[in-house]
PDB file of N, CA and C in Angstrom:
ATOM      1  N   MET A   1     -29.185 -28.239  23.136  1.00  0.00           N
ATOM      2  CA  MET A   1     -29.089 -27.041  22.339  1.00  0.00           C
ATOM      3  C   MET A   1     -29.972 -27.230  21.102  1.00  0.00           C
ATOM      4  N   GLY A   2     -30.706 -26.185  20.734  1.00  0.00           N
ATOM      5  CA  GLY A   2     -31.594 -26.278  19.592  1.00  0.00           C
ATOM      6  C   GLY A   2     -30.831 -26.258  18.283  1.00  0.00           C
ATOM      7  N   LYS A   3     -31.554 -26.651  17.219  1.00  0.00           N
ATOM      8  CA  LYS A   3     -30.956 -26.718  15.892  1.00  0.00           C
ATOM      9  C   LYS A   3     -30.433 -25.351  15.444  1.00  0.00           C
ATOM     10  N   ASN A   4     -31.197 -24.281  15.696  1.00  0.00           N
ATOM     11  CA  ASN A   4     -30.782 -22.937  15.297  1.00  0.00           C
ATOM     12  C   ASN A   4     -29.555 -22.471  16.080  1.00  0.00           C
ATOM     13  N   ASN A   5     -29.519 -22.793  17.368  1.00  0.00           N
ATOM     14  CA  ASN A   5     -28.381 -22.393  18.195  1.00  0.00           C
ATOM     15  C   ASN A   5     -27.099 -23.084  17.732  1.00  0.00           C
ATOM     16  N   THR A   6     -27.202 -24.342  17.334  1.00  0.00           N
ATOM     17  CA  THR A   6     -26.040 -25.081  16.836  1.00  0.00           C
ATOM     18  C   THR A   6     -25.530 -24.461  15.546  1.00  0.00           C
ATOM     19  N   LYS A   7     -26.439 -24.107  14.636  1.00  0.00           N
ATOM     20  CA  LYS A   7     -26.038 -23.463  13.387  1.00  0.00           C
ATOM     21  C   LYS A   7     -25.356 -22.128  13.657  1.00  0.00           C
ATOM     22  N   ILE A   8     -25.900 -21.352  14.588  1.00  0.00           N
ATOM     23  CA  ILE A   8     -25.307 -20.049  14.935  1.00  0.00           C
ATOM     24  C   ILE A   8     -23.917 -20.249  15.533  1.00  0.00           C
ATOM     25  N   LEU A   9     -23.779 -21.219  16.412  1.00  0.00           N
ATOM     26  CA  LEU A   9     -22.487 -21.497  17.046  1.00  0.00           C
ATOM     27  C   LEU A   9     -21.455 -21.929  16.008  1.00  0.00           C
ATOM     28  N   ILE A  10     -21.820 -22.799  15.100  1.00  0.00           N
ATOM     29  CA  ILE A  10     -20.902 -23.263  14.050  1.00  0.00           C
ATOM     30  C   ILE A  10     -20.521 -22.105  13.132  1.00  0.00           C
ATOM     31  N   THR A  11     -21.504 -21.293  12.740  1.00  0.00           N
ATOM     32  CA  THR A  11     -21.237 -20.137  11.881  1.00  0.00           C
ATOM     33  C   THR A  11     -20.285 -19.168  12.578  1.00  0.00           C
ATOM     34  N   ALA A  12     -20.515 -18.896  13.851  1.00  0.00           N
ATOM     35  CA  ALA A  12     -19.647 -17.986  14.603  1.00  0.00           C
ATOM     36  C   ALA A  12     -18.232 -18.552  14.698  1.00  0.00           C
ATOM     37  N   LEU A  13     -18.113 -19.839  14.939  1.00  0.00           N
ATOM     38  CA  LEU A  13     -16.804 -20.472  15.036  1.00  0.00           C
ATOM     39  C   LEU A  13     -16.059 -20.382  13.710  1.00  0.00           C
ATOM     40  N   VAL A  14     -16.749 -20.633  12.611  1.00  0.00           N
ATOM     41  CA  VAL A  14     -16.131 -20.529  11.286  1.00  0.00           C
ATOM     42  C   VAL A  14     -15.674 -19.098  11.034  1.00  0.00           C
ATOM     43  N   MET A  15     -16.469 -18.124  11.411  1.00  0.00           N
ATOM     44  CA  MET A  15     -16.103 -16.722  11.214  1.00  0.00           C
ATOM     45  C   MET A  15     -14.868 -16.346  12.032  1.00  0.00           C
ATOM     46  N   VAL A  16     -14.791 -16.826  13.255  1.00  0.00           N
ATOM     47  CA  VAL A  16     -13.643 -16.532  14.112  1.00  0.00           C
ATOM     48  C   VAL A  16     -12.371 -17.153  13.542  1.00  0.00           C
ATOM     49  N   VAL A  17     -12.449 -18.395  13.120  1.00  0.00           N
ATOM     50  CA  VAL A  17     -11.283 -19.071  12.537  1.00  0.00           C
ATOM     51  C   VAL A  17     -10.858 -18.377  11.251  1.00  0.00           C
ATOM     52  N   THR A  18     -11.814 -18.017  10.401  1.00  0.00           N
ATOM     53  CA  THR A  18     -11.498 -17.314   9.155  1.00  0.00           C
ATOM     54  C   THR A  18     -10.827 -15.979   9.449  1.00  0.00           C
ATOM     55  N   ALA A  19     -11.349 -15.231  10.402  1.00  0.00           N
ATOM     56  CA  ALA A  19     -10.754 -13.939  10.763  1.00  0.00           C
ATOM     57  C   ALA A  19      -9.337 -14.120  11.293  1.00  0.00           C
ATOM     58  N   ALA A  20      -9.126 -15.134  12.108  1.00  0.00           N
ATOM     59  CA  ALA A  20      -7.788 -15.383  12.659  1.00  0.00           C
ATOM     60  C   ALA A  20      -6.794 -15.699  11.555  1.00  0.00           C
ATOM     61  N   VAL A  21      -7.217 -16.500  10.583  1.00  0.00           N
ATOM     62  CA  VAL A  21      -6.340 -16.839   9.460  1.00  0.00           C
ATOM     63  C   VAL A  21      -6.032 -15.597   8.639  1.00  0.00           C
ATOM     64  N   MET A  22      -7.037 -14.771   8.386  1.00  0.00           N
ATOM     65  CA  MET A  22      -6.833 -13.553   7.598  1.00  0.00           C
ATOM     66  C   MET A  22      -5.897 -12.583   8.311  1.00  0.00           C
ATOM     67  N   ILE A  23      -6.029 -12.455   9.621  1.00  0.00           N
ATOM     68  CA  ILE A  23      -5.157 -11.563  10.386  1.00  0.00           C
ATOM     69  C   ILE A  23      -3.729 -12.075  10.343  1.00  0.00           C
ATOM     70  N   GLU A  24      -3.534 -13.366  10.506  1.00  0.00           N
ATOM     71  CA  GLU A  24      -2.191 -13.951  10.469  1.00  0.00           C
ATOM     72  C   GLU A  24      -1.546 -13.718   9.111  1.00  0.00           C
ATOM     73  N   GLU A  25      -2.315 -13.921   8.034  1.00  0.00           N
ATOM     74  CA  GLU A  25      -1.778 -13.724   6.698  1.00  0.00           C
ATOM     75  C   GLU A  25      -1.450 -12.253   6.444  1.00  0.00           C
ATOM     76  N   ALA A  26      -2.227 -11.354   7.007  1.00  0.00           N
ATOM     77  CA  ALA A  26      -2.018  -9.931   6.771  1.00  0.00           C
ATOM     78  C   ALA A  26      -0.787  -9.400   7.493  1.00  0.00           C
ATOM     79  N   THR A  27      -0.332 -10.090   8.524  1.00  0.00           N
ATOM     80  CA  THR A  27       0.808  -9.582   9.268  1.00  0.00           C
ATOM     81  C   THR A  27       2.129  -9.831   8.552  1.00  0.00           C
ATOM     82  N   SER A  28       2.159 -10.693   7.571  1.00  0.00           N
ATOM     83  CA  SER A  28       3.380 -10.959   6.820  1.00  0.00           C
ATOM     84  C   SER A  28       3.052 -11.015   5.337  1.00  0.00           C
ATOM     85  N   ILE A  29       3.580 -10.052   4.608  1.00  0.00           N
ATOM     86  CA  ILE A  29       3.289  -9.943   3.184  1.00  0.00           C
ATOM     87  C   ILE A  29       4.533 -10.349   2.403  1.00  0.00           C
ATOM     88  N   PRO A  30       4.404 -11.268   1.448  1.00  0.00           N
ATOM     89  CA  PRO A  30       5.571 -11.621   0.635  1.00  0.00           C
ATOM     90  C   PRO A  30       5.942 -10.464  -0.292  1.00  0.00           C
ATOM     91  N   ILE A  31       7.224 -10.137  -0.306  1.00  0.00           N
ATOM     92  CA  ILE A  31       7.707  -9.064  -1.166  1.00  0.00           C
ATOM     93  C   ILE A  31       9.151  -9.370  -1.568  1.00  0.00           C
ATOM     94  N   CYS A  32       9.432  -9.326  -2.824  1.00  0.00           N
ATOM     95  CA  CYS A  32      10.797  -9.499  -3.354  1.00  0.00           C
ATOM     96  C   CYS A  32      11.470 -10.777  -2.869  1.00  0.00           C
ATOM     97  N   GLY A  33      10.694 -11.855  -2.758  1.00  0.00           N
ATOM     98  CA  GLY A  33      11.262 -13.146  -2.410  1.00  0.00           C
ATOM     99  C   GLY A  33      11.298 -13.468  -0.926  1.00  0.00           C
ATOM    100  N   VAL A  34      10.865 -12.533  -0.074  1.00  0.00           N
ATOM    101  CA  VAL A  34      10.844 -12.778   1.370  1.00  0.00           C
ATOM    102  C   VAL A  34       9.570 -12.191   1.964  1.00  0.00           C
ATOM    103  N   ASN A  35       9.265 -12.576   3.189  1.00  0.00           N
ATOM    104  CA  ASN A  35       8.115 -12.019   3.894  1.00  0.00           C
ATOM    105  C   ASN A  35       8.534 -10.776   4.666  1.00  0.00           C
ATOM    106  N   THR A  36       7.611  -9.827   4.780  1.00  0.00           N
ATOM    107  CA  THR A  36       7.927  -8.585   5.482  1.00  0.00           C
ATOM    108  C   THR A  36       8.336  -8.848   6.935  1.00  0.00           C
ATOM    109  N   ASN A  37       7.753  -9.847   7.568  1.00  0.00           N
ATOM    110  CA  ASN A  37       8.162 -10.162   8.942  1.00  0.00           C
ATOM    111  C   ASN A  37       9.619 -10.597   8.989  1.00  0.00           C
ATOM    112  N   ASP A  38      10.072 -11.304   7.961  1.00  0.00           N
ATOM    113  CA  ASP A  38      11.462 -11.740   7.925  1.00  0.00           C
ATOM    114  C   ASP A  38      12.401 -10.554   7.715  1.00  0.00           C
ATOM    115  N   LEU A  39      11.970  -9.581   6.926  1.00  0.00           N
ATOM    116  CA  LEU A  39      12.806  -8.396   6.705  1.00  0.00           C
ATOM    117  C   LEU A  39      13.085  -7.652   8.006  1.00  0.00           C
ATOM    118  N   LYS A  40      12.152  -7.733   8.949  1.00  0.00           N
ATOM    119  CA  LYS A  40      12.329  -7.069  10.243  1.00  0.00           C
ATOM    120  C   LYS A  40      13.544  -7.615  10.991  1.00  0.00           C
ATOM    121  N   LYS A  41      13.966  -8.823  10.668  1.00  0.00           N
ATOM    122  CA  LYS A  41      15.134  -9.416  11.327  1.00  0.00           C
ATOM    123  C   LYS A  41      16.396  -8.622  11.032  1.00  0.00           C
ATOM    124  N   CYS A  42      16.383  -7.845   9.936  1.00  0.00           N
ATOM    125  CA  CYS A  42      17.555  -7.057   9.554  1.00  0.00           C
ATOM    126  C   CYS A  42      17.468  -5.608  10.016  1.00  0.00           C
ATOM    127  N   SER A  43      16.373  -5.218  10.576  1.00  0.00           N
ATOM    128  CA  SER A  43      16.191  -3.830  10.983  1.00  0.00           C
ATOM    129  C   SER A  43      17.296  -3.315  11.916  1.00  0.00           C
ATOM    130  N   PRO A  44      17.696  -4.059  12.950  1.00  0.00           N
ATOM    131  CA  PRO A  44      18.751  -3.543  13.830  1.00  0.00           C
ATOM    132  C   PRO A  44      20.067  -3.280  13.102  1.00  0.00           C
ATOM    133  N   ALA A  45      20.360  -4.056  12.074  1.00  0.00           N
ATOM    134  CA  ALA A  45      21.641  -3.934  11.367  1.00  0.00           C
ATOM    135  C   ALA A  45      21.685  -2.745  10.408  1.00  0.00           C
ATOM    136  N   VAL A  46      20.546  -2.100  10.147  1.00  0.00           N
ATOM    137  CA  VAL A  46      20.535  -0.979   9.198  1.00  0.00           C
ATOM    138  C   VAL A  46      19.949   0.297   9.794  1.00  0.00           C
ATOM    139  N   THR A  47      19.684   0.294  11.090  1.00  0.00           N
ATOM    140  CA  THR A  47      19.127   1.485  11.731  1.00  0.00           C
ATOM    141  C   THR A  47      19.993   1.926  12.900  1.00  0.00           C
ATOM    142  N   GLY A  48      19.817   3.157  13.291  1.00  0.00           N
ATOM    143  CA  GLY A  48      20.554   3.708  14.426  1.00  0.00           C
ATOM    144  C   GLY A  48      21.911   4.255  14.013  1.00  0.00           C
ATOM    145  N   ASN A  49      22.563   4.901  14.959  1.00  0.00           N
ATOM    146  CA  ASN A  49      23.862   5.523  14.687  1.00  0.00           C
ATOM    147  C   ASN A  49      24.996   4.526  14.548  1.00  0.00           C
ATOM    148  N   ASN A  50      24.968   3.482  15.338  1.00  0.00           N
ATOM    149  CA  ASN A  50      26.041   2.488  15.316  1.00  0.00           C
ATOM    150  C   ASN A  50      25.410   1.092  15.336  1.00  0.00           C
ATOM    151  N   PRO A  51      24.854   0.666  14.198  1.00  0.00           N
ATOM    152  CA  PRO A  51      24.127  -0.614  14.196  1.00  0.00           C
ATOM    153  C   PRO A  51      25.046  -1.805  14.423  1.00  0.00           C
ATOM    154  N   PRO A  52      24.520  -2.833  15.075  1.00  0.00           N
ATOM    155  CA  PRO A  52      25.302  -4.055  15.275  1.00  0.00           C
ATOM    156  C   PRO A  52      25.422  -4.819  13.969  1.00  0.00           C
ATOM    157  N   PRO A  53      26.360  -5.749  13.898  1.00  0.00           N
ATOM    158  CA  PRO A  53      26.449  -6.591  12.696  1.00  0.00           C
ATOM    159  C   PRO A  53      25.164  -7.401  12.538  1.00  0.00           C
ATOM    160  N   PRO A  54      24.849  -7.787  11.319  1.00  0.00           N
ATOM    161  CA  PRO A  54      23.633  -8.582  11.119  1.00  0.00           C
ATOM    162  C   PRO A  54      23.751  -9.957  11.761  1.00  0.00           C
ATOM    163  N   THR A  55      22.623 -10.460  12.204  1.00  0.00           N
ATOM    164  CA  THR A  55      22.567 -11.795  12.788  1.00  0.00           C
ATOM    165  C   THR A  55      22.571 -12.831  11.667  1.00  0.00           C
ATOM    166  N   PRO A  56      22.857 -14.081  11.978  1.00  0.00           N
ATOM    167  CA  PRO A  56      22.768 -15.133  10.955  1.00  0.00           C
ATOM    168  C   PRO A  56      21.379 -15.216  10.332  1.00  0.00           C
ATOM    169  N   GLN A  57      20.330 -14.983  11.144  1.00  0.00           N
ATOM    170  CA  GLN A  57      18.969 -15.017  10.615  1.00  0.00           C
ATOM    171  C   GLN A  57      18.763 -13.886   9.604  1.00  0.00           C
ATOM    172  N   CYS A  58      19.303 -12.703   9.908  1.00  0.00           N
ATOM    173  CA  CYS A  58      19.205 -11.577   8.989  1.00  0.00           C
ATOM    174  C   CYS A  58      19.931 -11.897   7.687  1.00  0.00           C
ATOM    175  N   CYS A  59      21.113 -12.439   7.781  1.00  0.00           N
ATOM    176  CA  CYS A  59      21.883 -12.768   6.575  1.00  0.00           C
ATOM    177  C   CYS A  59      21.152 -13.787   5.709  1.00  0.00           C
ATOM    178  N   LYS A  60      20.496 -14.745   6.344  1.00  0.00           N
ATOM    179  CA  LYS A  60      19.724 -15.736   5.592  1.00  0.00           C
ATOM    180  C   LYS A  60      18.618 -15.033   4.802  1.00  0.00           C
ATOM    181  N   VAL A  61      17.947 -14.083   5.435  1.00  0.00           N
ATOM    182  CA  VAL A  61      16.887 -13.321   4.767  1.00  0.00           C
ATOM    183  C   VAL A  61      17.478 -12.465   3.651  1.00  0.00           C
ATOM    184  N   ALA A  62      18.576 -11.772   3.936  1.00  0.00           N
ATOM    185  CA  ALA A  62      19.199 -10.882   2.946  1.00  0.00           C
ATOM    186  C   ALA A  62      19.651 -11.672   1.713  1.00  0.00           C
ATOM    187  N   LYS A  63      20.169 -12.859   1.924  1.00  0.00           N
ATOM    188  CA  LYS A  63      20.627 -13.680   0.798  1.00  0.00           C
ATOM    189  C   LYS A  63      19.455 -14.227  -0.014  1.00  0.00           C
ATOM    190  N   ALA A  64      18.307 -14.428   0.636  1.00  0.00           N
ATOM    191  CA  ALA A  64      17.131 -14.953  -0.057  1.00  0.00           C
ATOM    192  C   ALA A  64      16.359 -13.859  -0.799  1.00  0.00           C
ATOM    193  N   ALA A  65      16.516 -12.624  -0.348  1.00  0.00           N
ATOM    194  CA  ALA A  65      15.742 -11.520  -0.918  1.00  0.00           C
ATOM    195  C   ALA A  65      16.270 -11.113  -2.290  1.00  0.00           C
ATOM    196  N   ASN A  66      15.386 -10.633  -3.121  1.00  0.00           N
ATOM    197  CA  ASN A  66      15.765 -10.034  -4.391  1.00  0.00           C
ATOM    198  C   ASN A  66      16.075  -8.565  -4.088  1.00  0.00           C
ATOM    199  N   LEU A  67      17.349  -8.263  -3.862  1.00  0.00           N
ATOM    200  CA  LEU A  67      17.741  -6.924  -3.436  1.00  0.00           C
ATOM    201  C   LEU A  67      17.444  -5.872  -4.494  1.00  0.00           C
ATOM    202  N   GLU A  68      17.554  -6.241  -5.751  1.00  0.00           N
ATOM    203  CA  GLU A  68      17.231  -5.292  -6.828  1.00  0.00           C
ATOM    204  C   GLU A  68      15.752  -4.907  -6.743  1.00  0.00           C
ATOM    205  N   CYS A  69      14.915  -5.863  -6.468  1.00  0.00           N
ATOM    206  CA  CYS A  69      13.480  -5.625  -6.315  1.00  0.00           C
ATOM    207  C   CYS A  69      13.200  -4.718  -5.113  1.00  0.00           C
ATOM    208  N   LEU A  70      14.037  -4.814  -4.074  1.00  0.00           N
ATOM    209  CA  LEU A  70      13.838  -4.011  -2.865  1.00  0.00           C
ATOM    210  C   LEU A  70      14.310  -2.567  -3.014  1.00  0.00           C
ATOM    211  N   CYS A  71      14.997  -2.228  -4.098  1.00  0.00           N
ATOM    212  CA  CYS A  71      15.528  -0.868  -4.280  1.00  0.00           C
ATOM    213  C   CYS A  71      14.503   0.240  -4.025  1.00  0.00           C
ATOM    214  N   PRO A  72      13.306   0.164  -4.590  1.00  0.00           N
ATOM    215  CA  PRO A  72      12.351   1.250  -4.324  1.00  0.00           C
ATOM    216  C   PRO A  72      12.019   1.407  -2.842  1.00  0.00           C
ATOM    217  N   TYR A  73      12.037   0.300  -2.115  1.00  0.00           N
ATOM    218  CA  TYR A  73      11.730   0.351  -0.688  1.00  0.00           C
ATOM    219  C   TYR A  73      12.910   0.941   0.092  1.00  0.00           C
ATOM    220  N   PHE A  74      14.127   0.626  -0.341  1.00  0.00           N
ATOM    221  CA  PHE A  74      15.314   1.221   0.300  1.00  0.00           C
ATOM    222  C   PHE A  74      15.263   2.731   0.185  1.00  0.00           C
ATOM    223  N   THR A  75      15.006   3.235  -1.014  1.00  0.00           N
ATOM    224  CA  THR A  75      15.057   4.671  -1.240  1.00  0.00           C
ATOM    225  C   THR A  75      13.904   5.392  -0.544  1.00  0.00           C
ATOM    226  N   ARG A  76      12.736   4.789  -0.506  1.00  0.00           N
ATOM    227  CA  ARG A  76      11.583   5.415   0.160  1.00  0.00           C
ATOM    228  C   ARG A  76      11.678   5.360   1.674  1.00  0.00           C
ATOM    229  N   SER A  77      12.387   4.380   2.203  1.00  0.00           N
ATOM    230  CA  SER A  77      12.435   4.192   3.649  1.00  0.00           C
ATOM    231  C   SER A  77      13.352   5.176   4.348  1.00  0.00           C
ATOM    232  N   GLY A  78      14.234   5.815   3.585  1.00  0.00           N
ATOM    233  CA  GLY A  78      15.178   6.736   4.198  1.00  0.00           C
ATOM    234  C   GLY A  78      16.364   6.041   4.847  1.00  0.00           C
ATOM    235  N   LEU A  79      16.537   4.750   4.573  1.00  0.00           N
ATOM    236  CA  LEU A  79      17.682   4.029   5.137  1.00  0.00           C
ATOM    237  C   LEU A  79      18.969   4.537   4.508  1.00  0.00           C
ATOM    238  N   ASP A  80      20.005   4.584   5.300  1.00  0.00           N
ATOM    239  CA  ASP A  80      21.313   5.011   4.823  1.00  0.00           C
ATOM    240  C   ASP A  80      21.875   3.922   3.908  1.00  0.00           C
ATOM    241  N   PRO A  81      22.173   4.264   2.637  1.00  0.00           N
ATOM    242  CA  PRO A  81      22.707   3.257   1.705  1.00  0.00           C
ATOM    243  C   PRO A  81      23.996   2.605   2.209  1.00  0.00           C
ATOM    244  N   ALA A  82      24.807   3.340   2.953  1.00  0.00           N
ATOM    245  CA  ALA A  82      26.045   2.765   3.491  1.00  0.00           C
ATOM    246  C   ALA A  82      25.744   1.625   4.459  1.00  0.00           C
ATOM    247  N   LYS A  83      24.672   1.758   5.226  1.00  0.00           N
ATOM    248  CA  LYS A  83      24.305   0.697   6.175  1.00  0.00           C
ATOM    249  C   LYS A  83      23.781  -0.533   5.435  1.00  0.00           C
ATOM    250  N   ILE A  84      23.059  -0.298   4.344  1.00  0.00           N
ATOM    251  CA  ILE A  84      22.573  -1.422   3.540  1.00  0.00           C
ATOM    252  C   ILE A  84      23.753  -2.143   2.898  1.00  0.00           C
ATOM    253  N   LYS A  85      24.697  -1.381   2.387  1.00  0.00           N
ATOM    254  CA  LYS A  85      25.890  -1.979   1.776  1.00  0.00           C
ATOM    255  C   LYS A  85      26.696  -2.755   2.823  1.00  0.00           C
ATOM    256  N   ALA A  86      26.828  -2.190   4.022  1.00  0.00           N
ATOM    257  CA  ALA A  86      27.557  -2.882   5.093  1.00  0.00           C
ATOM    258  C   ALA A  86      26.867  -4.190   5.463  1.00  0.00           C
ATOM    259  N   LEU A  87      25.549  -4.187   5.486  1.00  0.00           N
ATOM    260  CA  LEU A  87      24.818  -5.417   5.771  1.00  0.00           C
ATOM    261  C   LEU A  87      25.155  -6.462   4.717  1.00  0.00           C
ATOM    262  N   GLY A  88      25.121  -6.060   3.441  1.00  0.00           N
ATOM    263  CA  GLY A  88      25.452  -6.998   2.369  1.00  0.00           C
ATOM    264  C   GLY A  88      26.864  -7.531   2.489  1.00  0.00           C
ATOM    265  N   THR A  89      27.804  -6.641   2.774  1.00  0.00           N
ATOM    266  CA  THR A  89      29.212  -7.048   2.927  1.00  0.00           C
ATOM    267  C   THR A  89      29.357  -8.027   4.087  1.00  0.00           C
ATOM    268  N   ASN A  90      28.737  -7.704   5.225  1.00  0.00           N
ATOM    269  CA  ASN A  90      28.837  -8.566   6.411  1.00  0.00           C
ATOM    270  C   ASN A  90      28.159  -9.917   6.216  1.00  0.00           C
ATOM    271  N   CYS A  91      27.192  -9.968   5.300  1.00  0.00           N
ATOM    272  CA  CYS A  91      26.492 -11.229   5.027  1.00  0.00           C
ATOM    273  C   CYS A  91      27.110 -11.993   3.864  1.00  0.00           C
ATOM    274  N   GLY A  92      28.161 -11.443   3.263  1.00  0.00           N
ATOM    275  CA  GLY A  92      28.824 -12.132   2.169  1.00  0.00           C
ATOM    276  C   GLY A  92      28.111 -11.979   0.840  1.00  0.00           C
ATOM    277  N   ILE A  93      27.307 -10.939   0.705  1.00  0.00           N
ATOM    278  CA  ILE A  93      26.615 -10.677  -0.558  1.00  0.00           C
ATOM    279  C   ILE A  93      27.537  -9.803  -1.402  1.00  0.00           C
ATOM    280  N   THR A  94      27.895 -10.289  -2.567  1.00  0.00           N
ATOM    281  CA  THR A  94      28.887  -9.578  -3.382  1.00  0.00           C
ATOM    282  C   THR A  94      28.266  -8.670  -4.437  1.00  0.00           C
ATOM    283  N   LYS A  95      27.026  -8.930  -4.803  1.00  0.00           N
ATOM    284  CA  LYS A  95      26.385  -8.098  -5.836  1.00  0.00           C
ATOM    285  C   LYS A  95      25.432  -7.113  -5.163  1.00  0.00           C
ATOM    286  N   ASN A  96      25.791  -5.825  -5.220  1.00  0.00           N
ATOM    287  CA  ASN A  96      24.948  -4.799  -4.637  1.00  0.00           C
ATOM    288  C   ASN A  96      23.855  -4.407  -5.621  1.00  0.00           C
ATOM    289  N   PRO A  97      22.673  -4.071  -5.119  1.00  0.00           N
ATOM    290  CA  PRO A  97      21.618  -3.613  -6.008  1.00  0.00           C
ATOM    291  C   PRO A  97      21.992  -2.282  -6.651  1.00  0.00           C
ATOM    292  N   SER A  98      21.439  -1.999  -7.818  1.00  0.00           N
ATOM    293  CA  SER A  98      21.800  -0.806  -8.587  1.00  0.00           C
ATOM    294  C   SER A  98      21.416   0.499  -7.887  1.00  0.00           C
ATOM    295  N   CYS A  99      20.507   0.445  -6.918  1.00  0.00           N
ATOM    296  CA  CYS A  99      20.071   1.666  -6.250  1.00  0.00           C
ATOM    297  C   CYS A  99      21.116   2.201  -5.265  1.00  0.00           C
ATOM    298  N   LEU A 100      22.080   1.367  -4.920  1.00  0.00           N
ATOM    299  CA  LEU A 100      23.139   1.851  -4.033  1.00  0.00           C
ATOM    300  C   LEU A 100      24.121   2.666  -4.867  1.00  0.00           C
ATOM    301  N   PRO A 101      24.627   3.755  -4.310  1.00  0.00           N
ATOM    302  CA  PRO A 101      25.422   4.688  -5.113  1.00  0.00           C
ATOM    303  C   PRO A 101      26.823   4.200  -5.516  1.00  0.00           C
ATOM    304  N   TRP A 102      27.176   2.985  -5.267  1.00  0.00           N
ATOM    305  CA  TRP A 102      28.483   2.477  -5.677  1.00  0.00           C
ATOM    306  C   TRP A 102      28.389   1.046  -6.149  1.00  0.00           C
TER     307      TRP A 102
END
């Protein structure tokens, strides 16, 4: 392989690895003490007509999150505040964020 071809191959490889790292980082954004991918673990417990209890993984995320910081996201998301409160209760979280109506 010629010198130019080797440089092109190395440059292309570096670009592919850099792009892969950037895509991986973009899929999970840290917010309010947790990553957005981790917040998805609680989605089943706060959506639908009759949500299941939160999983242990969800409770771990909920306890690590700054719930007060998440208030703007709760209100914009259209989530039912009662379901958010139930998640907190089921996970043993005693301090509800101020955005919940009680």
